[in-house]
């Protein structure tokens, strides 16, 4: 029988032989089946680790030259890009214009599905041009199927101005890889529910995007060890985190850490450099600039031994916890 659907042969649309009887399973068996499929998904991401590392290097180089990160996608893929962009400022203290995201249908499509917008190649190009991409930028196209027209249009337009292009998809055979700088394509296989790319494909995509952004932020000095020293102080929870980071790194008491942070205008990096170097706030900022914003280089001290010491103290002071009781579950539908 001739194939009339251009999507029929996509891995993301295939029927999963492991879940053919999905609607007859108990809740426990549904969960177990999904966990089994997610293990396959993690293996697929693992196979892409070298390409992901190359992507981190591409983004890091762009950021060091003053470039931006721009995500583009539709549906679940678009929402994942928006989530990634939204989480950069509070976590790493980035400016809101440094990491951007556009999705088919615009802001209204974040919560409400807008049918057909992902098929509009021209609108993808227009949406990209509104951000005025340059050759300094990295544009990350996200399309589980590998053939979303909105994404194709946006990437094509960004390519014309010389932006670096990274393409994240779950179809290794996608033809889009012929005009991008890097393709990252975890082959996650058929979904638990055929075509539902919010499942394995969505999770794999989220993991890849996490690695790309986190790796690049770490490589540009946004952490000290694994401490969030560029945290944006926008809530009491994050102010508490800032105080705790200061106590960990400097040995100051909690109240003294608060006083130091106030003198440092709640700039955690500056506060560390001020305390370690007995410096004023302006001189601490100057030290950080000369160290390209890396705390380790600004103070000439590695935080890892201190963190290991604190972990050893904690491990010896906390008794093993009691195992959790296994909940009673019903095997009925």
Protein backbone atom coordinates (compact mmCIF):
# COMPACT_ATOMS: atom_id res chain seq x y z
CA UNK A 1 0.00 0.00 0.00
CA UNK A 2 1.51 3.39 -0.97
CA UNK A 3 2.51 5.69 1.88
CA UNK A 4 0.55 8.95 1.75
CA UNK A 5 1.80 10.52 5.00
CA UNK A 6 5.13 12.32 5.14
CA UNK A 7 5.18 11.81 8.92
CA UNK A 8 4.44 8.09 8.92
CA UNK A 9 8.09 7.02 8.70
CA UNK A 10 9.29 9.31 11.51
CA UNK A 11 10.69 7.51 14.58
CA UNK A 12 8.57 9.77 16.80
CA UNK A 13 5.37 8.59 15.06
CA UNK A 14 6.17 4.86 15.15
CA UNK A 15 4.15 2.34 17.16
CA UNK A 16 6.01 1.02 20.21
CA UNK A 17 5.84 -2.80 20.37
CA UNK A 18 6.47 -2.73 24.13
CA UNK A 19 3.26 -0.82 24.93
CA UNK A 20 0.68 -2.32 22.59
CA UNK A 21 -1.56 -3.30 25.53
CA UNK A 22 -1.09 0.02 27.36
CA UNK A 23 -4.81 0.57 27.99
CA UNK A 24 -5.13 -2.81 29.77
CA UNK A 25 -2.32 -2.21 32.28
CA UNK A 26 -2.58 -1.37 35.96
CA UNK A 27 -1.21 1.95 37.21
CA UNK A 28 1.89 0.19 38.54
CA UNK A 29 2.56 -1.50 35.20
CA UNK A 30 2.07 1.77 33.29
CA UNK A 31 4.67 3.44 35.51
CA UNK A 32 7.06 0.49 35.15
CA UNK A 33 6.63 0.50 31.38
CA UNK A 34 7.37 4.22 31.18
CA UNK A 35 10.46 3.79 33.37
CA UNK A 36 11.71 1.04 31.06
CA UNK A 37 11.29 3.33 28.06
CA UNK A 38 13.02 6.21 29.86
CA UNK A 39 16.04 3.97 30.46
CA UNK A 40 16.28 3.57 26.69
CA UNK A 41 15.97 7.35 26.36
CA UNK A 42 18.89 7.95 28.74
CA UNK A 43 21.02 5.52 26.74
CA UNK A 44 20.18 7.47 23.59
CA UNK A 45 21.28 10.74 25.20
CA UNK A 46 24.46 9.06 26.43
CA UNK A 47 25.34 8.16 22.84
CA UNK A 48 25.21 11.88 21.95
CA UNK A 49 27.51 13.05 24.75
CA UNK A 50 30.41 14.02 22.48
CA UNK A 51 28.15 16.12 20.27
CA UNK A 52 26.60 17.74 23.33
CA UNK A 53 30.10 18.66 24.55
CA UNK A 54 30.85 20.25 21.16
CA UNK A 55 27.63 22.22 21.55
CA UNK A 56 28.76 23.47 24.97
CA UNK A 57 32.01 24.68 23.39
CA UNK A 58 30.15 26.45 20.56
CA UNK A 59 27.87 28.28 23.02
CA UNK A 60 30.75 29.12 25.37
CA UNK A 61 32.75 30.67 22.53
CA UNK A 62 29.73 32.73 21.47
CA UNK A 63 29.07 34.02 24.98
CA UNK A 64 32.70 35.03 25.41
CA UNK A 65 32.42 37.12 22.24
CA UNK A 66 29.26 38.87 23.41
CA UNK A 67 26.82 36.66 21.52
CA UNK A 68 23.37 35.46 22.57
CA UNK A 69 21.65 32.10 22.80
CA UNK A 70 18.35 31.93 20.90
CA UNK A 71 16.04 28.90 21.13
CA UNK A 72 13.40 28.26 18.51
CA UNK A 73 10.74 25.55 18.45
CA UNK A 74 7.06 24.68 18.27
CA UNK A 75 4.76 22.88 20.69
CA UNK A 76 6.57 20.94 23.39
CA UNK A 77 9.94 21.75 21.80
CA UNK A 78 9.16 25.46 21.83
CA UNK A 79 8.02 25.38 25.46
CA UNK A 80 11.23 23.63 26.49
CA UNK A 81 13.27 26.38 24.85
CA UNK A 82 11.22 29.05 26.64
CA UNK A 83 11.68 27.25 29.95
CA UNK A 84 15.44 27.11 29.43
CA UNK A 85 15.63 30.81 28.62
CA UNK A 86 13.41 31.76 31.57
CA UNK A 87 15.56 29.87 34.07
CA UNK A 88 18.90 31.43 33.14
CA UNK A 89 18.52 34.83 34.88
CA UNK A 90 17.49 33.55 38.35
CA UNK A 91 19.98 30.67 38.31
CA UNK A 92 23.00 32.32 36.73
CA UNK A 93 22.30 36.03 36.98
CA UNK A 94 22.26 36.53 33.22
CA UNK A 95 20.63 39.56 31.61
CA UNK A 96 17.19 38.82 30.20
CA UNK A 97 18.35 39.57 26.66
CA UNK A 98 21.25 37.08 26.76
CA UNK A 99 19.18 33.90 26.43
CA UNK A 100 16.04 34.23 24.32
CA UNK A 101 13.40 31.91 22.94
CA UNK A 102 10.73 32.06 20.27
CA UNK A 103 8.05 29.51 19.56
CA UNK A 104 5.43 29.06 16.89
CA UNK A 105 2.30 30.95 17.89
CA UNK A 106 4.10 33.32 20.24
CA UNK A 107 3.35 33.80 23.94
CA UNK A 108 -0.27 32.73 23.55
CA UNK A 109 0.87 29.27 22.46
CA UNK A 110 2.77 28.60 25.69
CA UNK A 111 -0.39 27.55 27.54
CA UNK A 112 -2.86 27.26 24.68
CA UNK A 113 -2.16 25.12 21.63
CA UNK A 114 -2.46 27.05 18.35
CA UNK A 115 -3.09 24.66 15.51
CA UNK A 116 -1.16 24.99 12.26
CA UNK A 117 1.38 27.59 13.39
CA UNK A 118 4.24 25.10 13.36
CA UNK A 119 3.74 24.58 9.61
CA UNK A 120 4.40 28.24 8.75
CA UNK A 121 7.95 28.51 7.40
CA UNK A 122 7.64 32.23 6.60
CA UNK A 123 6.48 33.10 10.13
CA UNK A 124 9.50 31.25 11.51
CA UNK A 125 11.76 33.46 9.42
CA UNK A 126 9.90 36.62 10.47
CA UNK A 127 10.01 35.68 14.15
CA UNK A 128 13.75 35.17 13.95
CA UNK A 129 14.37 38.46 12.17
CA UNK A 130 12.52 40.36 14.92
CA UNK A 131 15.41 39.38 17.22
CA UNK A 132 17.97 40.70 14.71
CA UNK A 133 20.38 37.75 14.92
CA UNK A 134 24.07 38.30 14.19
CA UNK A 135 27.11 36.16 13.49
CA UNK A 136 27.97 36.35 17.20
CA UNK A 137 24.80 34.48 18.20
CA UNK A 138 24.05 30.77 18.56
CA UNK A 139 20.59 29.69 17.46
CA UNK A 140 19.37 26.37 18.83
CA UNK A 141 16.58 24.85 16.78
CA UNK A 142 14.48 22.26 18.61
CA UNK A 143 12.25 19.85 16.71
CA UNK A 144 11.59 16.31 17.90
CA UNK A 145 10.43 15.23 14.44
CA UNK A 146 13.22 17.07 12.66
CA UNK A 147 10.91 18.62 10.08
CA UNK A 148 8.97 21.45 11.76
CA UNK A 149 8.60 24.18 9.11
CA UNK A 150 8.52 27.07 11.60
CA UNK A 151 11.90 25.96 12.94
CA UNK A 152 13.26 25.45 9.44
CA UNK A 153 12.30 29.00 8.47
CA UNK A 154 13.88 30.49 11.58
CA UNK A 155 17.14 28.56 11.20
CA UNK A 156 17.40 29.40 7.51
CA UNK A 157 17.10 33.11 8.24
CA UNK A 158 19.62 32.97 11.10
CA UNK A 159 22.02 31.07 8.86
CA UNK A 160 21.92 33.89 6.30
CA UNK A 161 23.41 36.36 8.78
CA UNK A 162 26.10 33.91 9.91
CA UNK A 163 24.72 32.76 13.28
CA UNK A 164 26.01 29.42 14.54
CA UNK A 165 23.26 26.81 14.32
CA UNK A 166 22.74 23.87 16.68
CA UNK A 167 19.86 21.53 15.89
CA UNK A 168 18.34 19.28 18.57
CA UNK A 169 16.06 16.54 17.27
CA UNK A 170 15.09 12.92 17.92
CA UNK A 171 15.36 11.88 14.28
CA UNK A 172 19.02 11.23 13.36
CA UNK A 173 18.04 11.07 9.67
CA UNK A 174 16.74 14.64 9.49
CA UNK A 175 17.72 16.50 6.34
CA UNK A 176 18.10 19.76 8.30
CA UNK A 177 21.53 18.63 9.45
CA UNK A 178 22.86 19.50 5.99
CA UNK A 179 22.91 23.23 6.77
CA UNK A 180 23.54 23.43 10.51
CA UNK A 181 26.84 23.52 12.40
CA UNK A 182 25.93 20.71 14.81
CA UNK A 183 23.12 18.19 15.07
CA UNK A 184 22.37 16.51 18.40
CA UNK A 185 19.96 13.65 17.76
CA UNK A 186 19.24 11.18 20.56
CA UNK A 187 17.44 8.29 18.87
CA UNK A 188 14.88 7.65 21.62
CA UNK A 189 12.69 5.39 19.49
CA UNK A 190 8.88 5.10 19.51
CA UNK A 191 6.97 6.78 22.31
CA UNK A 192 4.90 4.97 24.94
CA UNK A 193 1.91 6.60 23.22
CA UNK A 194 2.60 6.78 19.49
CA UNK A 195 3.44 10.33 18.43
CA UNK A 196 3.36 11.84 21.94
CA UNK A 197 6.72 13.61 21.83
CA UNK A 198 6.12 15.23 25.23
CA UNK A 199 7.30 11.87 26.65
CA UNK A 200 10.72 10.36 25.79
CA UNK A 201 11.52 12.91 23.10
CA UNK A 202 10.58 15.79 25.38
CA UNK A 203 12.57 14.43 28.31
CA UNK A 204 15.62 13.75 26.14
CA UNK A 205 15.38 17.26 24.70
CA UNK A 206 15.15 18.80 28.18
CA UNK A 207 18.24 16.86 29.28
CA UNK A 208 20.21 17.99 26.22
CA UNK A 209 19.20 21.63 26.64
CA UNK A 210 20.08 21.47 30.35
CA UNK A 211 23.54 20.20 29.47
CA UNK A 212 24.12 22.79 26.76
CA UNK A 213 23.18 25.80 28.88
CA UNK A 214 24.57 24.58 32.19
CA UNK A 215 27.86 23.54 30.62
CA UNK A 216 28.26 26.91 28.91
CA UNK A 217 27.37 28.84 32.07
CA UNK A 218 29.92 26.89 34.10
CA UNK A 219 32.56 27.43 31.41
CA UNK A 220 31.96 31.20 31.57
CA UNK A 221 32.41 31.48 35.34
CA UNK A 222 28.85 31.29 36.60
CA UNK A 223 29.71 28.81 39.36
CA UNK A 224 32.45 28.40 41.97
CA UNK A 225 32.90 24.66 42.24
CA UNK A 226 29.27 23.63 42.06
CA UNK A 227 28.00 26.63 44.02
CA UNK A 228 25.53 29.02 42.37
CA UNK A 229 27.59 32.18 42.95
CA UNK A 230 25.79 34.22 40.28
CA UNK A 231 22.37 33.51 41.79
CA UNK A 232 19.90 36.35 41.31
CA UNK A 233 18.55 37.55 44.65
CA UNK A 234 14.84 37.80 43.91
CA UNK A 235 13.28 35.86 46.78
CA UNK A 236 13.98 35.03 50.43
CA UNK A 237 14.87 31.49 49.40
CA UNK A 238 17.61 32.74 47.08
CA UNK A 239 18.81 35.30 49.64
CA UNK A 240 19.14 32.44 52.10
CA UNK A 241 21.07 30.45 49.49
CA UNK A 242 23.41 33.41 48.99
CA UNK A 243 24.06 33.65 52.74
CA UNK A 244 24.74 29.92 52.97
CA UNK A 245 27.17 30.07 50.04
CA UNK A 246 29.08 32.84 51.82
CA UNK A 247 29.24 30.84 55.05
CA UNK A 248 30.48 27.78 53.17
CA UNK A 249 33.20 29.59 51.23
CA UNK A 250 34.41 32.11 53.83
CA UNK A 251 33.59 30.46 57.15
CA UNK A 252 31.61 33.50 58.31
CA UNK A 253 28.61 33.09 60.57
CA UNK A 254 25.18 33.38 58.95
CA UNK A 255 24.48 36.88 60.33
CA UNK A 256 27.92 38.12 59.29
CA UNK A 257 27.37 36.67 55.82
CA UNK A 258 24.20 38.75 55.58
CA UNK A 259 26.07 41.92 56.54
CA UNK A 260 28.81 41.18 53.98
CA UNK A 261 26.26 40.60 51.24
CA UNK A 262 24.56 43.89 51.98
CA UNK A 263 27.91 45.68 51.63
CA UNK A 264 28.41 43.81 48.36
CA UNK A 265 24.94 44.82 47.09
CA UNK A 266 23.95 41.15 47.23
CA UNK A 267 26.60 40.24 44.66
CA UNK A 268 27.77 36.83 45.93
CA UNK A 269 30.92 36.78 43.81
CA UNK A 270 31.97 40.23 44.94
CA UNK A 271 31.24 39.34 48.56
CA UNK A 272 33.55 36.31 48.39
CA UNK A 273 36.36 38.33 46.82
CA UNK A 274 35.87 41.14 49.35
CA UNK A 275 36.15 38.76 52.30
CA UNK A 276 38.99 36.63 50.93
CA UNK A 277 41.07 39.61 49.78
CA UNK A 278 40.04 42.15 52.43
CA UNK A 279 38.92 44.43 49.59
CA UNK A 280 36.33 47.10 49.05
CA UNK A 281 33.38 46.42 46.80
CA UNK A 282 34.79 48.38 43.80
CA UNK A 283 38.18 46.67 44.10
CA UNK A 284 36.51 43.26 44.31
CA UNK A 285 34.64 43.98 41.09
CA UNK A 286 37.92 45.00 39.48
CA UNK A 287 39.54 41.73 40.55
CA UNK A 288 36.64 39.79 39.07
CA UNK A 289 36.87 41.64 35.75
CA UNK A 290 40.59 40.84 35.49
CA UNK A 291 39.80 37.20 36.28
CA UNK A 292 37.15 37.11 33.50
CA UNK A 293 34.47 36.70 36.17
CA UNK A 294 35.87 33.45 37.62
CA UNK A 295 35.88 33.48 41.43
CA UNK A 296 38.58 30.80 41.59
CA UNK A 297 40.97 32.94 39.55
CA UNK A 298 40.03 36.15 41.36
CA UNK A 299 40.98 34.78 44.79
CA UNK A 300 43.48 32.11 43.74
CA UNK A 301 41.76 29.45 45.79
CA UNK A 302 40.04 26.15 44.98
CA UNK A 303 36.77 25.56 46.83
CA UNK A 304 36.70 21.78 46.32
CA UNK A 305 38.71 20.85 49.46
CA UNK A 306 36.41 23.00 51.59
CA UNK A 307 33.30 21.39 50.11
CA UNK A 308 34.70 17.89 50.60
CA UNK A 309 35.50 18.69 54.23
CA UNK A 310 31.95 19.91 54.86
CA UNK A 311 30.49 16.82 53.18
CA UNK A 312 32.66 14.51 55.33
CA UNK A 313 31.51 16.30 58.49
CA UNK A 314 27.90 16.00 57.39
CA UNK A 315 28.24 12.30 56.51
CA UNK A 316 29.66 11.49 59.95
CA UNK A 317 27.03 13.50 61.83
CA UNK A 318 23.92 12.17 60.10
CA UNK A 319 22.66 8.71 61.01
CA UNK A 320 21.42 6.44 58.23
CA UNK A 321 17.76 7.09 57.53
CA UNK A 322 15.11 4.43 57.90
CA UNK A 323 13.97 2.89 54.60
CA UNK A 324 10.66 4.19 53.35
CA UNK A 325 7.68 1.88 53.49
CA UNK A 326 6.55 0.62 50.15
CA UNK A 327 3.09 2.09 49.44
CA UNK A 328 0.17 -0.24 49.02
CA UNK A 329 -0.97 -0.19 45.41
CA UNK A 330 -3.92 -1.62 43.57
CA UNK A 331 -3.40 -3.76 40.51
CA UNK A 332 -6.83 -2.92 39.17
CA UNK A 333 -7.41 -0.56 36.26
